């Protein structure tokens, strides 16, 4: 079997079971599968752990049962109880607790725009978290921001460039444009934290220590 034949998508899986692909993708997002990157395509290798996760969600839809959201923002719960939520959400939850504020998540600034699409339209790029009164933006970088993930990075976007190249370009836009407009930017990388070989966070008490140390300058400003 060739590599291409070993890849399947949410659309293909849904249609094979007579389920609306849009409904399936919505259920996948609601399931909070940790391995799926934000705005990434729902494409996996057949027989992989990720494929098994998607099949489980599809089976639940096919049998008419509801999907239990995996997200949780309670920091006083054990790491195992929030294991299914994204690492990005986990880190931003900690930032909220350390700073004593609720971030505006997936916030968009009018000056932070992606490259023009085929129609010439430029979409606003989201940031992971924005704290308005601190003028602080926080980004969490999963493994794909610093390491090449062939299955996803080689996919061609609607702009005609590989997804990995587009991600690097948009990361550079954030690093350049946010400070230029007077916003602080703190980037947390998965490698700073205890993580598995696959880049998933272990989620332990050390995470909060790391976040607190990195945000010291903003903690001082909240005390004044």
N, C-alpha and C. Protein backbone atom coordinates (compact mmCIF):
# COMPACT_ATOMS: atom_id res chain seq x y z
N UNK A 1 0.85 -1.20 0.00
CA UNK A 1 0.00 0.00 0.00
C UNK A 1 0.88 1.24 0.00
N UNK A 2 0.58 2.18 -0.85
CA UNK A 2 1.38 3.40 -0.90
C UNK A 2 1.02 4.30 0.25
N UNK A 3 1.88 5.33 0.47
CA UNK A 3 1.64 6.27 1.56
C UNK A 3 0.34 7.01 1.35
N UNK A 4 0.05 7.37 0.09
CA UNK A 4 -1.18 8.11 -0.19
C UNK A 4 -2.40 7.28 0.18
N UNK A 5 -2.36 5.97 -0.14
CA UNK A 5 -3.49 5.10 0.14
C UNK A 5 -3.69 4.89 1.63
N UNK A 6 -2.63 5.13 2.43
CA UNK A 6 -2.71 4.91 3.87
C UNK A 6 -3.26 6.11 4.62
N UNK A 7 -3.60 7.17 3.91
CA UNK A 7 -4.14 8.38 4.52
C UNK A 7 -5.64 8.46 4.28
N UNK A 8 -6.38 8.80 5.33
CA UNK A 8 -7.81 9.03 5.17
C UNK A 8 -8.18 10.36 5.80
N UNK A 9 -9.34 10.86 5.46
CA UNK A 9 -9.78 12.16 5.95
C UNK A 9 -11.14 12.04 6.62
N UNK A 10 -11.52 13.09 7.34
CA UNK A 10 -12.83 13.11 7.99
C UNK A 10 -13.95 13.02 6.97
N UNK A 11 -13.75 13.67 5.83
CA UNK A 11 -14.78 13.64 4.78
C UNK A 11 -14.99 12.21 4.29
N UNK A 12 -13.89 11.51 4.00
CA UNK A 12 -13.99 10.14 3.50
C UNK A 12 -14.63 9.23 4.55
N UNK A 13 -14.22 9.38 5.81
CA UNK A 13 -14.75 8.53 6.87
C UNK A 13 -16.25 8.77 7.07
N UNK A 14 -16.64 10.05 7.05
CA UNK A 14 -18.05 10.37 7.26
C UNK A 14 -18.92 9.82 6.13
N UNK A 15 -18.49 10.04 4.90
CA UNK A 15 -19.28 9.59 3.76
C UNK A 15 -19.41 8.07 3.71
N UNK A 16 -18.38 7.39 4.18
CA UNK A 16 -18.44 5.92 4.19
C UNK A 16 -19.50 5.39 5.15
N UNK A 17 -19.91 6.23 6.10
CA UNK A 17 -20.93 5.83 7.08
C UNK A 17 -22.24 6.57 6.87
N UNK A 18 -22.34 7.36 5.78
CA UNK A 18 -23.56 8.08 5.50
C UNK A 18 -23.84 9.23 6.44
N UNK A 19 -22.77 9.85 6.95
CA UNK A 19 -22.89 10.96 7.89
C UNK A 19 -22.37 12.24 7.24
N UNK A 20 -23.04 13.35 7.52
CA UNK A 20 -22.65 14.64 6.97
C UNK A 20 -21.23 14.98 7.43
N UNK A 21 -20.29 15.21 6.52
CA UNK A 21 -18.91 15.53 6.92
C UNK A 21 -18.81 16.75 7.83
N UNK A 22 -19.65 17.77 7.60
CA UNK A 22 -19.61 18.95 8.46
C UNK A 22 -20.00 18.58 9.89
N UNK A 23 -20.99 17.72 10.02
CA UNK A 23 -21.41 17.28 11.35
C UNK A 23 -20.30 16.48 12.03
N UNK A 24 -19.61 15.66 11.25
CA UNK A 24 -18.51 14.87 11.81
C UNK A 24 -17.37 15.77 12.26
N UNK A 25 -16.99 16.76 11.44
CA UNK A 25 -15.91 17.67 11.83
C UNK A 25 -16.28 18.45 13.08
N UNK A 26 -17.55 18.87 13.19
CA UNK A 26 -17.99 19.58 14.39
C UNK A 26 -17.87 18.69 15.62
N UNK A 27 -18.21 17.42 15.46
CA UNK A 27 -18.09 16.47 16.58
C UNK A 27 -16.63 16.25 16.96
N UNK A 28 -15.75 16.21 15.96
CA UNK A 28 -14.32 16.04 16.23
C UNK A 28 -13.78 17.23 17.01
N UNK A 29 -14.18 18.44 16.59
CA UNK A 29 -13.74 19.63 17.32
C UNK A 29 -14.26 19.61 18.75
N UNK A 30 -15.51 19.19 18.91
CA UNK A 30 -16.10 19.13 20.24
C UNK A 30 -15.46 18.09 21.14
N UNK A 31 -14.88 17.06 20.52
CA UNK A 31 -14.23 16.01 21.31
C UNK A 31 -12.90 16.46 21.90
N UNK A 32 -12.35 17.57 21.38
CA UNK A 32 -11.11 18.12 21.94
C UNK A 32 -9.92 17.20 21.84
N UNK A 33 -9.75 16.54 20.71
CA UNK A 33 -8.63 15.61 20.55
C UNK A 33 -7.31 16.36 20.60
N UNK A 34 -6.47 15.98 21.55
CA UNK A 34 -5.27 16.75 21.86
C UNK A 34 -4.26 16.79 20.71
N UNK A 35 -4.22 15.74 19.92
CA UNK A 35 -3.20 15.67 18.87
C UNK A 35 -3.51 16.56 17.67
N UNK A 36 -4.74 17.04 17.56
CA UNK A 36 -5.12 17.82 16.39
C UNK A 36 -4.73 19.29 16.56
N UNK A 37 -3.97 19.83 15.62
CA UNK A 37 -3.56 21.22 15.70
C UNK A 37 -4.68 22.14 15.28
N UNK A 38 -4.66 23.35 15.83
CA UNK A 38 -5.70 24.33 15.52
C UNK A 38 -5.72 24.64 14.02
N UNK A 39 -6.91 24.56 13.44
CA UNK A 39 -7.13 24.82 12.01
C UNK A 39 -6.44 23.80 11.09
N UNK A 40 -5.92 22.72 11.67
CA UNK A 40 -5.30 21.68 10.85
C UNK A 40 -6.35 20.81 10.16
N UNK A 41 -5.94 20.14 9.11
CA UNK A 41 -6.86 19.25 8.40
C UNK A 41 -7.07 17.97 9.19
N UNK A 42 -8.27 17.41 9.04
CA UNK A 42 -8.58 16.14 9.69
C UNK A 42 -8.15 15.02 8.75
N UNK A 43 -6.85 14.77 8.70
CA UNK A 43 -6.29 13.72 7.87
C UNK A 43 -5.32 12.89 8.72
N UNK A 44 -5.49 11.58 8.68
CA UNK A 44 -4.68 10.70 9.54
C UNK A 44 -4.29 9.44 8.77
N UNK A 45 -3.31 8.75 9.32
CA UNK A 45 -2.92 7.46 8.74
C UNK A 45 -3.90 6.39 9.20
N UNK A 46 -4.33 5.57 8.27
CA UNK A 46 -5.23 4.47 8.60
C UNK A 46 -4.53 3.52 9.56
N UNK A 47 -5.21 3.17 10.64
CA UNK A 47 -4.64 2.25 11.63
C UNK A 47 -3.87 2.93 12.74
N UNK A 48 -3.69 4.25 12.65
CA UNK A 48 -2.96 4.97 13.69
C UNK A 48 -3.85 5.23 14.91
N UNK A 49 -3.22 5.70 16.00
CA UNK A 49 -3.98 6.06 17.19
C UNK A 49 -4.96 7.19 16.88
N UNK A 50 -4.52 8.13 16.05
CA UNK A 50 -5.39 9.24 15.68
C UNK A 50 -6.60 8.75 14.89
N UNK A 51 -6.36 7.78 14.01
CA UNK A 51 -7.47 7.20 13.24
C UNK A 51 -8.46 6.50 14.17
N UNK A 52 -7.95 5.85 15.20
CA UNK A 52 -8.82 5.18 16.17
C UNK A 52 -9.67 6.20 16.92
N UNK A 53 -9.07 7.34 17.27
CA UNK A 53 -9.83 8.40 17.95
C UNK A 53 -10.97 8.90 17.07
N UNK A 54 -10.66 9.14 15.80
CA UNK A 54 -11.68 9.64 14.89
C UNK A 54 -12.78 8.60 14.66
N UNK A 55 -12.39 7.33 14.60
CA UNK A 55 -13.38 6.26 14.43
C UNK A 55 -14.31 6.19 15.63
N UNK A 56 -13.76 6.38 16.82
CA UNK A 56 -14.58 6.35 18.03
C UNK A 56 -15.64 7.44 17.98
N UNK A 57 -15.23 8.66 17.58
CA UNK A 57 -16.19 9.76 17.48
C UNK A 57 -17.23 9.46 16.41
N UNK A 58 -16.78 8.89 15.30
CA UNK A 58 -17.71 8.56 14.22
C UNK A 58 -18.71 7.49 14.65
N UNK A 59 -18.23 6.49 15.38
CA UNK A 59 -19.13 5.45 15.89
C UNK A 59 -20.19 6.04 16.81
N UNK A 60 -19.77 7.00 17.63
CA UNK A 60 -20.71 7.64 18.55
C UNK A 60 -21.80 8.38 17.78
N UNK A 61 -21.39 9.08 16.72
CA UNK A 61 -22.38 9.76 15.88
C UNK A 61 -23.31 8.77 15.19
N UNK A 62 -22.76 7.69 14.68
CA UNK A 62 -23.55 6.72 13.94
C UNK A 62 -24.61 6.06 14.81
N UNK A 63 -24.30 5.95 16.11
CA UNK A 63 -25.26 5.33 17.03
C UNK A 63 -26.13 6.35 17.74
N UNK A 64 -25.99 7.63 17.34
CA UNK A 64 -26.89 8.66 17.85
C UNK A 64 -26.61 9.11 19.26
N UNK A 65 -25.42 8.84 19.77
CA UNK A 65 -25.08 9.28 21.12
C UNK A 65 -24.37 10.62 21.06
N UNK A 66 -24.47 11.38 22.12
CA UNK A 66 -23.81 12.68 22.18
C UNK A 66 -22.33 12.54 22.40
N UNK A 67 -21.57 13.55 22.00
CA UNK A 67 -20.13 13.58 22.22
C UNK A 67 -19.86 14.41 23.47
N UNK A 68 -19.17 13.83 24.41
CA UNK A 68 -18.82 14.58 25.62
C UNK A 68 -17.62 15.46 25.34
N UNK A 69 -17.74 16.78 25.53
CA UNK A 69 -16.59 17.66 25.33
C UNK A 69 -15.45 17.26 26.25
N UNK A 70 -14.25 17.33 25.72
CA UNK A 70 -13.08 16.95 26.52
C UNK A 70 -12.44 18.14 27.19
N UNK A 71 -12.90 19.37 26.87
CA UNK A 71 -12.27 20.56 27.41
C UNK A 71 -12.59 20.74 28.89
N UNK A 72 -11.61 21.20 29.65
CA UNK A 72 -11.82 21.59 31.03
C UNK A 72 -10.85 22.70 31.35
N UNK A 73 -11.31 23.70 32.09
CA UNK A 73 -10.43 24.82 32.43
C UNK A 73 -10.13 24.87 33.92
N UNK A 74 -10.51 23.83 34.65
CA UNK A 74 -10.30 23.85 36.10
C UNK A 74 -8.88 23.41 36.42
N UNK A 75 -8.09 24.33 36.97
CA UNK A 75 -6.70 24.01 37.27
C UNK A 75 -6.55 23.16 38.52
N UNK A 76 -7.59 23.13 39.38
CA UNK A 76 -7.46 22.36 40.60
C UNK A 76 -7.84 20.90 40.39
N UNK A 77 -8.13 20.51 39.15
CA UNK A 77 -8.38 19.11 38.86
C UNK A 77 -7.07 18.44 38.48
N UNK A 78 -7.03 17.11 38.63
CA UNK A 78 -5.81 16.38 38.35
C UNK A 78 -5.51 16.42 36.86
N UNK A 79 -4.24 16.31 36.48
CA UNK A 79 -3.89 16.32 35.06
C UNK A 79 -4.63 15.25 34.27
N UNK A 80 -4.86 14.08 34.87
CA UNK A 80 -5.54 13.02 34.13
C UNK A 80 -6.96 13.39 33.78
N UNK A 81 -7.61 14.23 34.60
CA UNK A 81 -9.00 14.57 34.35
C UNK A 81 -9.15 15.55 33.20
N UNK A 82 -8.06 16.25 32.84
CA UNK A 82 -8.12 17.19 31.72
C UNK A 82 -7.20 16.76 30.58
N UNK A 83 -6.80 15.50 30.59
CA UNK A 83 -5.82 15.00 29.62
C UNK A 83 -6.30 15.17 28.18
N UNK A 84 -7.61 15.08 27.96
CA UNK A 84 -8.12 15.13 26.59
C UNK A 84 -8.19 16.53 26.02
N UNK A 85 -8.05 17.57 26.85
CA UNK A 85 -8.08 18.94 26.33
C UNK A 85 -6.74 19.28 25.69
N UNK A 86 -6.72 20.33 24.89
CA UNK A 86 -5.50 20.67 24.17
C UNK A 86 -4.44 21.22 25.12
N UNK A 87 -3.17 21.02 24.75
CA UNK A 87 -2.08 21.57 25.54
C UNK A 87 -2.10 23.10 25.53
N UNK A 88 -2.51 23.67 24.40
CA UNK A 88 -2.64 25.13 24.33
C UNK A 88 -3.61 25.63 25.40
N UNK A 89 -4.78 24.99 25.51
CA UNK A 89 -5.76 25.39 26.51
C UNK A 89 -5.21 25.21 27.92
N UNK A 90 -4.48 24.14 28.14
CA UNK A 90 -3.88 23.86 29.45
C UNK A 90 -2.94 24.99 29.87
N UNK A 91 -2.07 25.41 28.96
CA UNK A 91 -1.11 26.47 29.28
C UNK A 91 -1.81 27.81 29.47
N UNK A 92 -2.78 28.12 28.62
CA UNK A 92 -3.49 29.40 28.78
C UNK A 92 -4.31 29.41 30.05
N UNK A 93 -4.86 28.27 30.44
CA UNK A 93 -5.55 28.19 31.74
C UNK A 93 -4.60 28.57 32.87
N UNK A 94 -3.37 28.07 32.80
CA UNK A 94 -2.39 28.39 33.84
C UNK A 94 -2.05 29.88 33.81
N UNK A 95 -1.89 30.42 32.60
CA UNK A 95 -1.62 31.86 32.48
C UNK A 95 -2.75 32.68 33.12
N UNK A 96 -3.99 32.29 32.86
CA UNK A 96 -5.14 32.97 33.47
C UNK A 96 -5.01 32.97 34.99
N UNK A 97 -4.68 31.81 35.54
CA UNK A 97 -4.59 31.69 37.00
C UNK A 97 -3.43 32.51 37.56
N UNK A 98 -2.29 32.46 36.89
CA UNK A 98 -1.11 33.19 37.37
C UNK A 98 -1.33 34.70 37.30
N UNK A 99 -1.92 35.16 36.20
CA UNK A 99 -2.13 36.60 36.00
C UNK A 99 -3.39 37.11 36.68
N UNK A 100 -4.26 36.20 37.10
CA UNK A 100 -5.51 36.61 37.74
C UNK A 100 -6.47 37.28 36.78
N UNK A 101 -6.44 36.86 35.53
CA UNK A 101 -7.27 37.45 34.48
C UNK A 101 -7.72 36.36 33.52
N UNK A 102 -8.79 36.65 32.81
CA UNK A 102 -9.26 35.75 31.74
C UNK A 102 -8.81 36.31 30.41
N UNK A 103 -8.10 35.53 29.66
CA UNK A 103 -7.63 35.96 28.35
C UNK A 103 -8.75 35.97 27.34
N UNK A 104 -8.61 36.82 26.35
CA UNK A 104 -9.45 36.75 25.16
C UNK A 104 -8.76 35.74 24.24
N UNK A 105 -9.37 34.57 24.08
CA UNK A 105 -8.73 33.51 23.32
C UNK A 105 -9.09 33.60 21.84
N UNK A 106 -8.13 33.25 21.02
CA UNK A 106 -8.29 33.36 19.57
C UNK A 106 -8.65 34.79 19.17
N UNK A 107 -8.03 35.75 19.86
CA UNK A 107 -8.27 37.17 19.60
C UNK A 107 -7.65 37.56 18.25
N UNK A 108 -8.30 38.50 17.58
CA UNK A 108 -7.80 38.98 16.29
C UNK A 108 -7.62 40.48 16.30
N UNK A 109 -6.46 40.91 15.80
CA UNK A 109 -6.15 42.33 15.67
C UNK A 109 -6.30 42.73 14.20
N UNK A 110 -6.78 43.93 13.92
CA UNK A 110 -6.98 44.33 12.53
C UNK A 110 -5.70 44.43 11.72
N UNK A 111 -4.56 44.63 12.39
CA UNK A 111 -3.29 44.77 11.66
C UNK A 111 -2.60 43.44 11.42
N UNK A 112 -3.08 42.37 12.05
CA UNK A 112 -2.42 41.07 11.95
C UNK A 112 -3.20 40.20 10.94
N UNK A 113 -2.72 40.21 9.71
CA UNK A 113 -3.45 39.56 8.63
C UNK A 113 -2.60 38.52 7.92
N UNK A 114 -3.28 37.51 7.40
CA UNK A 114 -2.61 36.49 6.62
C UNK A 114 -2.35 36.96 5.21
N UNK A 115 -1.77 36.09 4.40
CA UNK A 115 -1.49 36.42 3.01
C UNK A 115 -2.78 36.44 2.20
N UNK A 116 -2.82 37.22 1.13
CA UNK A 116 -4.03 37.28 0.30
C UNK A 116 -4.37 35.93 -0.31
N UNK A 117 -5.68 35.59 -0.28
CA UNK A 117 -6.14 34.37 -0.90
C UNK A 117 -6.40 34.58 -2.38
N UNK A 118 -6.94 33.57 -3.06
CA UNK A 118 -7.21 33.70 -4.50
C UNK A 118 -8.09 34.90 -4.85
N UNK A 119 -8.99 35.27 -3.93
CA UNK A 119 -9.87 36.42 -4.17
C UNK A 119 -9.23 37.74 -3.79
N UNK A 120 -8.04 37.68 -3.19
CA UNK A 120 -7.37 38.89 -2.71
C UNK A 120 -7.70 39.23 -1.28
N UNK A 121 -8.61 38.49 -0.69
CA UNK A 121 -9.02 38.75 0.70
C UNK A 121 -7.95 38.25 1.66
N UNK A 122 -7.71 39.01 2.71
CA UNK A 122 -6.74 38.64 3.75
C UNK A 122 -7.49 38.38 5.05
N UNK A 123 -7.33 37.20 5.60
CA UNK A 123 -8.00 36.86 6.84
C UNK A 123 -7.19 37.37 8.04
N UNK A 124 -7.89 37.71 9.10
CA UNK A 124 -7.22 38.12 10.33
C UNK A 124 -6.68 36.88 11.03
N UNK A 125 -5.42 36.95 11.46
CA UNK A 125 -4.79 35.82 12.12
C UNK A 125 -5.09 35.85 13.61
N UNK A 126 -5.52 34.76 14.19
CA UNK A 126 -5.78 34.74 15.63
C UNK A 126 -4.50 34.59 16.44
N UNK A 127 -4.54 35.08 17.66
CA UNK A 127 -3.49 34.79 18.64
C UNK A 127 -4.11 33.89 19.71
N UNK A 128 -3.28 33.12 20.38
CA UNK A 128 -3.82 32.16 21.34
C UNK A 128 -4.50 32.85 22.51
N UNK A 129 -3.88 33.90 23.04
CA UNK A 129 -4.45 34.59 24.21
C UNK A 129 -4.02 36.05 24.22
N UNK A 130 -4.96 36.91 24.62
CA UNK A 130 -4.67 38.34 24.70
C UNK A 130 -5.24 38.89 26.01
N UNK A 131 -4.36 39.59 26.78
CA UNK A 131 -4.76 40.22 28.04
C UNK A 131 -4.77 41.73 27.80
N UNK A 132 -5.98 42.28 27.70
CA UNK A 132 -6.16 43.65 27.22
C UNK A 132 -5.44 44.67 28.08
N UNK A 133 -5.66 44.64 29.40
CA UNK A 133 -5.09 45.69 30.24
C UNK A 133 -3.58 45.58 30.36
N UNK A 134 -3.02 44.41 30.09
CA UNK A 134 -1.57 44.24 30.12
C UNK A 134 -0.94 44.43 28.74
N UNK A 135 -1.78 44.57 27.73
CA UNK A 135 -1.31 44.62 26.33
C UNK A 135 -0.34 43.46 26.06
N UNK A 136 -0.77 42.29 26.50
CA UNK A 136 0.07 41.11 26.44
C UNK A 136 -0.58 40.03 25.58
N UNK A 137 0.18 39.48 24.66
CA UNK A 137 -0.24 38.35 23.85
C UNK A 137 0.60 37.14 24.24
N UNK A 138 -0.06 36.01 24.38
CA UNK A 138 0.63 34.76 24.69
C UNK A 138 0.34 33.75 23.60
N UNK A 139 1.38 33.11 23.11
CA UNK A 139 1.27 32.06 22.12
C UNK A 139 1.85 30.77 22.71
N UNK A 140 1.20 29.67 22.43
CA UNK A 140 1.75 28.36 22.79
C UNK A 140 2.11 27.62 21.51
N UNK A 141 3.35 27.21 21.39
CA UNK A 141 3.82 26.53 20.19
C UNK A 141 3.95 25.04 20.46
N UNK A 142 3.13 24.28 19.76
CA UNK A 142 3.25 22.83 19.80
C UNK A 142 4.43 22.40 18.93
N UNK A 143 4.64 21.11 18.87
CA UNK A 143 5.83 20.58 18.19
C UNK A 143 5.93 21.03 16.74
N UNK A 144 4.79 21.14 16.04
CA UNK A 144 4.84 21.46 14.61
C UNK A 144 5.35 22.87 14.33
N UNK A 145 5.44 23.72 15.36
CA UNK A 145 5.96 25.07 15.14
C UNK A 145 7.49 25.08 15.03
N UNK A 146 8.14 24.04 15.56
CA UNK A 146 9.60 24.01 15.55
C UNK A 146 10.16 22.76 14.89
N UNK A 147 9.34 21.74 14.72
CA UNK A 147 9.80 20.51 14.08
C UNK A 147 8.90 20.20 12.90
N UNK A 148 9.49 19.67 11.86
CA UNK A 148 8.73 19.34 10.65
C UNK A 148 7.89 18.09 10.89
N UNK A 149 6.59 18.20 10.59
CA UNK A 149 5.67 17.06 10.66
C UNK A 149 5.22 16.80 9.22
N UNK A 150 5.85 15.82 8.59
CA UNK A 150 5.70 15.62 7.15
C UNK A 150 4.25 15.49 6.70
N UNK A 151 3.46 14.71 7.43
CA UNK A 151 2.08 14.45 7.02
C UNK A 151 1.29 15.73 6.84
N UNK A 152 1.52 16.72 7.74
CA UNK A 152 0.75 17.96 7.68
C UNK A 152 1.50 19.09 6.98
N UNK A 153 2.81 19.18 7.19
CA UNK A 153 3.57 20.31 6.66
C UNK A 153 3.63 20.32 5.15
N UNK A 154 3.56 19.17 4.52
CA UNK A 154 3.69 19.10 3.06
C UNK A 154 2.37 19.35 2.33
N UNK A 155 1.28 19.43 3.07
CA UNK A 155 0.00 19.68 2.42
C UNK A 155 -0.03 21.10 1.85
N UNK A 156 -0.57 21.25 0.67
CA UNK A 156 -0.62 22.55 0.02
C UNK A 156 -1.89 23.30 0.45
N UNK A 157 -1.73 24.54 0.86
CA UNK A 157 -2.85 25.36 1.29
C UNK A 157 -3.54 25.98 0.06
N UNK A 158 -4.66 26.67 0.31
CA UNK A 158 -5.38 27.33 -0.79
C UNK A 158 -4.54 28.46 -1.38
N UNK A 159 -3.51 28.90 -0.65
CA UNK A 159 -2.64 29.95 -1.16
C UNK A 159 -1.53 29.38 -2.05
N UNK A 160 -1.46 28.05 -2.14
CA UNK A 160 -0.49 27.42 -3.01
C UNK A 160 0.87 27.19 -2.39
N UNK A 161 0.98 27.30 -1.06
CA UNK A 161 2.25 27.05 -0.37
C UNK A 161 2.05 25.91 0.62
N UNK A 162 3.12 25.17 0.95
CA UNK A 162 3.00 24.11 1.94
C UNK A 162 2.53 24.66 3.28
N UNK A 163 1.74 23.86 3.99
CA UNK A 163 1.19 24.31 5.27
C UNK A 163 2.30 24.66 6.27
N UNK A 164 3.39 23.90 6.27
CA UNK A 164 4.48 24.18 7.20
C UNK A 164 5.10 25.55 6.93
N UNK A 165 5.28 25.87 5.65
CA UNK A 165 5.83 27.18 5.29
C UNK A 165 4.88 28.31 5.70
N UNK A 166 3.59 28.09 5.48
CA UNK A 166 2.61 29.11 5.86
C UNK A 166 2.62 29.33 7.38
N UNK A 167 2.72 28.25 8.16
CA UNK A 167 2.73 28.38 9.62
C UNK A 167 3.94 29.20 10.07
N UNK A 168 5.11 28.91 9.49
CA UNK A 168 6.32 29.65 9.87
C UNK A 168 6.19 31.13 9.50
N UNK A 169 5.61 31.39 8.36
CA UNK A 169 5.43 32.77 7.92
C UNK A 169 4.50 33.52 8.86
N UNK A 170 3.40 32.90 9.23
CA UNK A 170 2.43 33.56 10.11
C UNK A 170 2.99 33.73 11.52
N UNK A 171 3.81 32.78 11.97
CA UNK A 171 4.48 32.95 13.27
C UNK A 171 5.40 34.18 13.22
N UNK A 172 6.09 34.35 12.11
CA UNK A 172 6.96 35.51 11.95
C UNK A 172 6.16 36.80 11.94
N UNK A 173 5.00 36.80 11.32
CA UNK A 173 4.15 37.99 11.33
C UNK A 173 3.80 38.39 12.76
N UNK A 174 3.45 37.39 13.57
CA UNK A 174 3.10 37.68 14.96
C UNK A 174 4.30 38.25 15.72
N UNK A 175 5.47 37.64 15.53
CA UNK A 175 6.67 38.11 16.24
C UNK A 175 7.04 39.54 15.84
N UNK A 176 6.80 39.89 14.61
CA UNK A 176 7.20 41.20 14.09
C UNK A 176 6.16 42.28 14.35
N UNK A 177 4.91 41.98 14.02
CA UNK A 177 3.87 43.01 14.02
C UNK A 177 3.34 43.34 15.41
N UNK A 178 3.26 42.36 16.29
CA UNK A 178 2.72 42.64 17.63
C UNK A 178 3.60 43.64 18.39
N UNK A 179 4.92 43.41 18.52
CA UNK A 179 5.75 44.42 19.20
C UNK A 179 5.75 45.77 18.49
N UNK A 180 5.67 45.74 17.16
CA UNK A 180 5.66 46.99 16.40
C UNK A 180 4.44 47.85 16.76
N UNK A 181 3.35 47.21 17.15
CA UNK A 181 2.14 47.94 17.52
C UNK A 181 2.01 48.09 19.03
N UNK A 182 3.09 47.82 19.75
CA UNK A 182 3.10 48.11 21.18
C UNK A 182 2.58 47.01 22.08
N UNK A 183 2.52 45.78 21.58
CA UNK A 183 2.03 44.66 22.39
C UNK A 183 3.19 43.77 22.80
N UNK A 184 3.15 43.34 24.05
CA UNK A 184 4.13 42.37 24.51
C UNK A 184 3.76 40.99 23.98
N UNK A 185 4.77 40.18 23.73
CA UNK A 185 4.54 38.83 23.21
C UNK A 185 5.40 37.84 23.99
N UNK A 186 4.74 36.86 24.59
CA UNK A 186 5.43 35.77 25.28
C UNK A 186 5.05 34.47 24.57
N UNK A 187 6.06 33.74 24.11
CA UNK A 187 5.82 32.48 23.41
C UNK A 187 6.30 31.34 24.30
N UNK A 188 5.39 30.45 24.63
CA UNK A 188 5.75 29.24 25.35
C UNK A 188 5.89 28.11 24.33
N UNK A 189 6.98 27.37 24.43
CA UNK A 189 7.22 26.25 23.53
C UNK A 189 7.07 24.95 24.32
N UNK A 190 6.50 23.95 23.68
CA UNK A 190 6.28 22.68 24.37
C UNK A 190 7.55 22.12 24.98
N UNK A 191 8.72 22.41 24.34
CA UNK A 191 9.98 21.85 24.81
C UNK A 191 10.41 22.39 26.17
N UNK A 192 9.82 23.51 26.60
CA UNK A 192 10.13 24.05 27.92
C UNK A 192 9.56 23.20 29.04
N UNK A 193 8.55 22.40 28.72
CA UNK A 193 7.81 21.65 29.72
C UNK A 193 8.11 20.16 29.61
N UNK A 194 7.82 19.43 30.66
CA UNK A 194 7.94 17.98 30.59
C UNK A 194 6.93 17.45 29.57
N UNK A 195 7.41 16.65 28.62
CA UNK A 195 6.54 16.20 27.54
C UNK A 195 6.90 14.78 27.11
N UNK A 196 5.97 14.18 26.40
CA UNK A 196 6.20 12.83 25.88
C UNK A 196 7.04 12.90 24.62
N UNK A 197 7.41 11.73 24.11
CA UNK A 197 8.20 11.69 22.87
C UNK A 197 7.41 12.24 21.69
N UNK A 198 6.08 12.25 21.80
CA UNK A 198 5.24 12.80 20.75
C UNK A 198 4.98 14.28 20.90
N UNK A 199 5.55 14.91 21.92
CA UNK A 199 5.40 16.34 22.11
C UNK A 199 4.21 16.75 22.95
N UNK A 200 3.51 15.81 23.55
CA UNK A 200 2.37 16.14 24.39
C UNK A 200 2.85 16.42 25.82
N UNK A 201 2.26 17.42 26.45
CA UNK A 201 2.69 17.80 27.78
C UNK A 201 2.29 16.74 28.81
N UNK A 202 3.17 16.56 29.80
CA UNK A 202 2.90 15.63 30.88
C UNK A 202 1.91 16.23 31.89
N UNK A 203 1.86 17.54 31.93
CA UNK A 203 0.92 18.29 32.78
C UNK A 203 1.15 17.99 34.27
N UNK A 204 2.13 18.66 34.83
CA UNK A 204 2.43 18.51 36.25
C UNK A 204 2.63 19.88 36.88
N UNK A 205 2.96 19.90 38.17
CA UNK A 205 3.07 21.15 38.91
C UNK A 205 4.19 22.05 38.38
N UNK A 206 5.16 21.45 37.71
CA UNK A 206 6.28 22.23 37.18
C UNK A 206 5.80 23.20 36.09
N UNK A 207 4.72 22.88 35.40
CA UNK A 207 4.21 23.75 34.35
C UNK A 207 3.92 25.15 34.90
N UNK A 208 3.26 25.20 36.06
CA UNK A 208 2.92 26.49 36.63
C UNK A 208 4.17 27.25 37.06
N UNK A 209 5.17 26.55 37.55
CA UNK A 209 6.42 27.21 37.95
C UNK A 209 7.07 27.87 36.74
N UNK A 210 7.07 27.17 35.61
CA UNK A 210 7.67 27.72 34.39
C UNK A 210 6.91 28.94 33.91
N UNK A 211 5.59 28.83 33.87
CA UNK A 211 4.76 29.95 33.42
C UNK A 211 4.96 31.16 34.32
N UNK A 212 4.94 30.95 35.63
CA UNK A 212 5.11 32.05 36.57
C UNK A 212 6.45 32.75 36.38
N UNK A 213 7.51 31.98 36.18
CA UNK A 213 8.83 32.58 35.98
C UNK A 213 8.87 33.40 34.70
N UNK A 214 8.25 32.92 33.65
CA UNK A 214 8.28 33.63 32.36
C UNK A 214 7.42 34.90 32.38
N UNK A 215 6.46 34.95 33.28
CA UNK A 215 5.54 36.09 33.31
C UNK A 215 5.83 37.07 34.44
N UNK A 216 7.03 36.98 35.04
CA UNK A 216 7.37 37.81 36.18
C UNK A 216 7.21 39.30 35.89
N UNK A 217 7.61 39.77 34.72
CA UNK A 217 7.52 41.18 34.41
C UNK A 217 6.06 41.67 34.44
N UNK A 218 5.17 40.82 34.01
CA UNK A 218 3.75 41.19 33.98
C UNK A 218 3.11 41.02 35.36
N UNK A 219 3.64 40.12 36.15
CA UNK A 219 3.16 39.99 37.52
C UNK A 219 3.50 41.23 38.32
N UNK A 220 4.69 41.79 38.08
CA UNK A 220 5.09 43.03 38.79
C UNK A 220 4.17 44.18 38.41
N UNK A 221 3.76 44.21 37.14
CA UNK A 221 2.92 45.31 36.70
C UNK A 221 1.52 45.22 37.28
N UNK A 222 1.08 43.99 37.63
CA UNK A 222 -0.25 43.84 38.22
C UNK A 222 -0.25 44.24 39.68
N UNK A 223 0.92 44.31 40.30
CA UNK A 223 1.02 44.68 41.72
C UNK A 223 1.11 46.20 41.92
N UNK A 224 1.36 46.95 40.86
CA UNK A 224 1.54 48.39 41.00
C UNK A 224 0.22 49.11 40.87
